[in-house]
Amino acid sequence: MSKRNLVPKNIGNVVPFSKPDSEGDGAVDDSDGCTGQTAPRKRADARRNERTLLDAAAAVFVASGVEAPVRDIAARAGVGVATIYRHFPTRADLIIAVYRHQVEACAEAGPALLASSATPHAALERWINLFVDFLVTKHGLAAVLRSDEAGFDALHAYFIDRLVPVCARLLEAAASAGEIRSDIDAYELMRGVGNLCIGADSDPRYDARRLVGLLVGGLRLSR
């Protein structure tokens, strides 16, 4: 079974942004020319600014697709269009950065949910719901240049490397608590969830979330 097929590939043609001849910048300024600030502070500010741009781009992509005008992303982020160009010269750069950003958010949520949920199984359920959100609303962000097969391989490998261990940790915690069987493979479960999500964004009669809920509920040991 190929791990390349965990998430449906929604590959499209990705083209460079079409820059205007002249475009003013917005309120966010992450240039290194500021005085009176230490390098760590500038780096922290730049990271926050980039996260703001990626959150805005993700929201716009979900609403309008990955070909949405860059001005829509800039407006949502509260910056000028030139700021987007400075961070992400091409649409491919932005799409890949958003995809990685969303994968990181999903990965970081696992330990946080395990620490805050009433039981490990409850944490697993909540995390799987986040994973479904990612697959249903954001899998289009996996788009890369159609001719760059190696580029997609690297991106997909990153997805696998970051998320499968998080799922495995949640499964192990739930199994140790006696809530689920101990022979459930994280990749296999995620592959099953991914397959259930195929077509969920194009068929209003199909409720992938309900079926995934039944799948995760079925993992519980009867008492």
Protein backbone atom coordinates (compact mmCIF):
# COMPACT_ATOMS: atom_id res chain seq x y z
CA MET A 1 0.00 0.00 0.00
CA SER A 2 1.57 3.26 -1.08
CA LYS A 3 1.73 6.01 1.50
CA ARG A 4 1.57 8.51 -1.34
CA ASN A 5 -2.18 7.92 -1.49
CA LEU A 6 -3.01 8.89 2.08
CA VAL A 7 -4.45 12.21 0.94
CA PRO A 8 -6.16 12.74 -2.42
CA LYS A 9 -3.88 14.63 -4.82
CA ASN A 10 -5.60 17.77 -6.03
CA ILE A 11 -2.82 18.92 -8.32
CA GLY A 12 -3.35 21.97 -10.44
CA ASN A 13 -1.29 24.31 -12.53
CA VAL A 14 0.48 26.80 -10.28
CA VAL A 15 1.68 29.99 -11.89
CA PRO A 16 3.67 32.97 -10.63
CA PHE A 17 1.77 35.86 -9.14
CA SER A 18 0.99 38.60 -11.62
CA LYS A 19 2.62 41.63 -10.07
CA PRO A 20 1.33 45.13 -10.75
CA ASP A 21 3.87 47.68 -11.91
CA SER A 22 3.52 49.58 -8.65
CA GLU A 23 1.89 48.51 -5.44
CA GLY A 24 1.95 50.15 -2.04
CA ASP A 25 2.71 48.16 1.09
CA GLY A 26 0.52 47.82 4.14
CA ALA A 27 0.78 48.08 7.87
CA VAL A 28 2.95 45.04 8.46
CA ASP A 29 6.64 45.75 7.89
CA ASP A 30 9.05 42.90 8.42
CA SER A 31 12.08 44.47 6.77
CA ASP A 32 15.47 44.21 8.44
CA GLY A 33 16.13 47.93 8.13
CA CYS A 34 14.54 48.91 11.45
CA THR A 35 16.85 50.38 14.06
CA GLY A 36 16.85 49.94 17.80
CA GLN A 37 15.74 46.30 17.69
CA THR A 38 17.73 43.18 18.39
CA ALA A 39 18.02 40.46 15.78
CA PRO A 40 15.96 37.93 17.80
CA ARG A 41 13.13 40.47 18.10
CA LYS A 42 13.18 41.09 14.36
CA ARG A 43 13.15 37.36 13.66
CA ALA A 44 10.20 36.88 16.04
CA ASP A 45 8.30 39.73 14.40
CA ALA A 46 9.00 38.28 10.95
CA ARG A 47 7.70 34.88 12.04
CA ARG A 48 4.52 36.44 13.44
CA ASN A 49 4.02 38.42 10.25
CA GLU A 50 4.48 35.31 8.13
CA ARG A 51 2.00 33.35 10.27
CA THR A 52 -0.53 36.15 9.79
CA LEU A 53 -0.08 35.95 6.02
CA LEU A 54 -0.35 32.15 5.99
CA ASP A 55 -3.50 32.15 8.14
CA ALA A 56 -5.07 34.71 5.81
CA ALA A 57 -4.04 32.79 2.70
CA ALA A 58 -5.43 29.53 4.11
CA ALA A 59 -8.79 31.17 4.85
CA VAL A 60 -8.98 32.70 1.38
CA PHE A 61 -7.97 29.44 -0.30
CA VAL A 62 -10.70 27.56 1.58
CA ALA A 63 -13.30 30.14 0.53
CA SER A 64 -12.17 30.85 -3.03
CA GLY A 65 -9.61 28.23 -4.09
CA VAL A 66 -5.87 28.39 -4.57
CA GLU A 67 -6.19 30.68 -7.60
CA ALA A 68 -7.78 33.47 -5.49
CA PRO A 69 -6.39 36.96 -6.23
CA VAL A 70 -3.44 37.92 -4.08
CA ARG A 71 -5.16 41.20 -3.25
CA ASP A 72 -7.83 39.21 -1.37
CA ILE A 73 -5.15 37.58 0.78
CA ALA A 74 -3.45 40.91 1.41
CA ALA A 75 -6.74 42.53 2.42
CA ARG A 76 -7.57 39.74 4.86
CA ALA A 77 -4.10 39.92 6.40
CA GLY A 78 -4.22 43.71 6.63
CA VAL A 79 -1.08 44.22 4.58
CA GLY A 80 -0.15 45.57 1.19
CA VAL A 81 0.17 43.31 -1.84
CA ALA A 82 3.91 43.98 -1.95
CA THR A 83 4.30 42.23 1.41
CA ILE A 84 2.88 39.05 -0.07
CA TYR A 85 5.30 39.27 -2.99
CA ARG A 86 8.23 39.83 -0.68
CA HIS A 87 7.51 36.68 1.31
CA PHE A 88 6.23 34.49 -1.54
CA PRO A 89 7.40 35.44 -5.05
CA THR A 90 5.23 32.78 -6.75
CA ARG A 91 1.86 31.23 -6.09
CA ALA A 92 3.57 27.84 -5.73
CA ASP A 93 5.70 29.25 -2.91
CA LEU A 94 2.59 30.48 -1.10
CA ILE A 95 0.55 27.30 -1.62
CA ILE A 96 3.33 25.07 -0.33
CA ALA A 97 3.98 27.36 2.65
CA VAL A 98 0.27 27.38 3.56
CA TYR A 99 0.10 23.60 3.28
CA ARG A 100 3.10 23.16 5.56
CA HIS A 101 1.69 25.74 7.97
CA GLN A 102 -1.60 23.84 8.22
CA VAL A 103 0.20 20.51 8.69
CA GLU A 104 2.20 22.05 11.54
CA ALA A 105 -0.98 23.35 13.20
CA CYS A 106 -2.52 19.87 13.02
CA ALA A 107 0.65 18.27 14.37
CA GLU A 108 0.95 20.70 17.28
CA ALA A 109 -2.70 20.18 18.23
CA GLY A 110 -2.14 16.50 19.11
CA PRO A 111 -0.09 16.92 22.31
CA ALA A 112 -2.20 19.91 23.35
CA LEU A 113 -5.43 17.93 23.03
CA LEU A 114 -3.93 14.99 24.89
CA ALA A 115 -3.05 17.30 27.77
CA SER A 116 -6.41 19.10 27.89
CA SER A 117 -9.00 16.42 27.07
CA ALA A 118 -10.85 14.37 29.66
CA THR A 119 -9.59 11.07 28.22
CA PRO A 120 -7.09 9.97 25.56
CA HIS A 121 -9.96 8.73 23.39
CA ALA A 122 -11.62 12.14 23.61
CA ALA A 123 -8.32 13.70 22.51
CA LEU A 124 -8.13 11.23 19.62
CA GLU A 125 -11.68 12.07 18.53
CA ARG A 126 -11.00 15.81 18.62
CA TRP A 127 -7.73 15.41 16.73
CA ILE A 128 -9.33 13.24 14.05
CA ASN A 129 -11.98 15.95 13.64
CA LEU A 130 -9.18 18.47 13.01
CA PHE A 131 -7.60 16.06 10.55
CA VAL A 132 -10.93 15.75 8.73
CA ASP A 133 -11.17 19.55 8.60
CA PHE A 134 -7.74 19.58 7.00
CA LEU A 135 -8.65 16.94 4.43
CA VAL A 136 -12.09 18.31 3.55
CA THR A 137 -11.33 22.01 3.41
CA LYS A 138 -7.58 22.27 2.87
CA HIS A 139 -6.35 19.31 0.85
CA GLY A 140 -6.40 21.54 -2.23
CA LEU A 141 -3.41 23.29 -0.71
CA ALA A 142 -1.36 20.23 -1.66
CA ALA A 143 -1.33 21.60 -5.20
CA VAL A 144 2.16 21.89 -6.65
CA LEU A 145 3.52 22.32 -10.14
CA ARG A 146 2.05 19.50 -12.22
CA SER A 147 5.42 18.78 -13.76
CA ASP A 148 7.26 18.73 -10.43
CA GLU A 149 6.56 15.18 -9.26
CA ALA A 150 9.62 15.22 -6.98
CA GLY A 151 8.29 18.37 -5.34
CA PHE A 152 5.02 16.67 -4.50
CA ASP A 153 6.86 13.65 -3.14
CA ALA A 154 8.78 15.87 -0.73
CA LEU A 155 5.63 17.67 0.38
CA HIS A 156 3.71 14.45 0.88
CA ALA A 157 6.59 12.88 2.79
CA TYR A 158 6.56 15.91 5.09
CA PHE A 159 2.84 15.38 5.70
CA ILE A 160 3.40 11.72 6.58
CA ASP A 161 6.44 12.37 8.77
CA ARG A 162 4.69 15.06 10.83
CA LEU A 163 1.17 13.68 11.27
CA VAL A 164 1.48 9.89 11.49
CA PRO A 165 3.60 10.03 14.71
CA VAL A 166 1.07 12.40 16.28
CA CYS A 167 -1.77 10.00 15.52
CA ALA A 168 0.34 7.08 16.80
CA ARG A 169 0.91 8.86 20.11
CA LEU A 170 -2.81 9.46 20.55
CA LEU A 171 -3.61 5.84 19.72
CA GLU A 172 -0.96 4.59 22.14
CA ALA A 173 -2.34 6.77 24.94
CA ALA A 174 -5.90 5.56 24.34
CA ALA A 175 -4.75 1.94 24.19
CA SER A 176 -2.74 2.31 27.41
CA ALA A 177 -5.86 3.69 29.09
CA GLY A 178 -7.76 0.59 28.02
CA GLU A 179 -10.10 2.58 25.78
CA ILE A 180 -9.22 1.06 22.41
CA ARG A 181 -7.49 -1.97 20.95
CA SER A 182 -3.71 -1.92 20.95
CA ASP A 183 -3.24 -3.20 17.39
CA ILE A 184 -4.46 -0.12 15.49
CA ASP A 185 -1.90 1.29 13.08
CA ALA A 186 -1.78 5.08 12.83
CA TYR A 187 -1.10 5.20 9.11
CA GLU A 188 -3.85 2.67 8.41
CA LEU A 189 -6.36 4.69 10.42
CA MET A 190 -5.38 7.96 8.73
CA ARG A 191 -5.55 6.29 5.33
CA GLY A 192 -9.06 5.08 6.16
CA VAL A 193 -10.13 8.54 7.27
CA GLY A 194 -8.62 10.02 4.11
CA ASN A 195 -10.55 7.59 1.93
CA LEU A 196 -13.80 8.44 3.71
CA CYS A 197 -13.18 12.12 3.00
CA ILE A 198 -12.81 11.72 -0.77
CA GLY A 199 -15.61 13.61 -2.50
CA ALA A 200 -16.89 15.20 0.71
CA ASP A 201 -16.40 18.69 -0.68
CA SER A 202 -18.33 18.02 -3.90
CA ASP A 203 -21.34 15.94 -2.84
CA PRO A 204 -23.74 17.62 -0.37
CA ARG A 205 -25.49 14.29 0.25
CA TYR A 206 -22.31 12.69 1.54
CA ASP A 207 -21.47 13.30 5.22
CA ALA A 208 -17.87 12.22 5.63
CA ARG A 209 -17.69 13.61 9.15
CA ARG A 210 -20.50 11.35 10.35
CA LEU A 211 -18.85 8.27 8.88
CA VAL A 212 -15.48 9.19 10.34
CA GLY A 213 -17.19 9.63 13.71
CA LEU A 214 -18.61 6.13 13.42
CA LEU A 215 -15.15 4.80 12.54
CA VAL A 216 -13.44 6.43 15.52
CA GLY A 217 -16.30 5.48 17.84
CA GLY A 218 -15.94 1.90 16.69
CA LEU A 219 -12.35 1.80 17.92
CA ARG A 220 -13.55 1.75 21.53
CA LEU A 221 -13.46 -1.46 23.48
CA SER A 222 -16.84 -2.61 24.74
CA ARG A 223 -17.23 -2.56 28.49
